[in-house]
Amino acid sequence: MVGVQRVMAVSTPAATVLGYLADHGHSEIWDPTVRSCVRSDGGGPVAVGAAWHTVSVWSGRESELDHTLRELDDRRVLFVAENPTVTATEEIVVEPADDGGCTVSFHAEVRLKGLLKLAAPFLRREFERHGDELERTLPPVLERLQGPAPAPPLT
């Protein structure tokens, strides 16, 4: 298993941030590894069960994953993604701050399948680099969000 965790503070209200990040389609904008991310379940409200097909680039190689929104509440989003070689989870926790902004905790883990498990030690540096890039790209995107988003539905 390989993972990365980052914690970032932004001045945007928690409900706005959570509503934005619950829609995995936005990952094209804030995740530097994502090349495309399209809704794959026919659309509708962003709720538990919503799904996206994502194309990412890691170490120069394209990877396709199908992400499903597995959990969503007033502070947390959990996506699970899978393809024949990996199972990945992305957990995002958004905590309101006293100043009206919020703290965003991003935690991703990838479980490699089959012989790819042997590559896990070599991927740690790549994941840390991804975390560093995410810390640079995500906060400015969240800072630009305007007004409170509707609260995500409780599950």
Foldseek 3Di string as FASTA:
>chain_A
DAKDKDKDWAQAAQQQVQQVVLPVQCCCQQQPFWVGKAWDPPDDDSDFQTKIWTWGAFPRDIDIWIWTFHFDAQFKTWIWIDDPFKIKIWIWGWAGDPNRITMIMIMMDIDTDDPCNVCRVVCNVRNVVSNVSSNVRVRVVSNPDDDRDPGDDHD
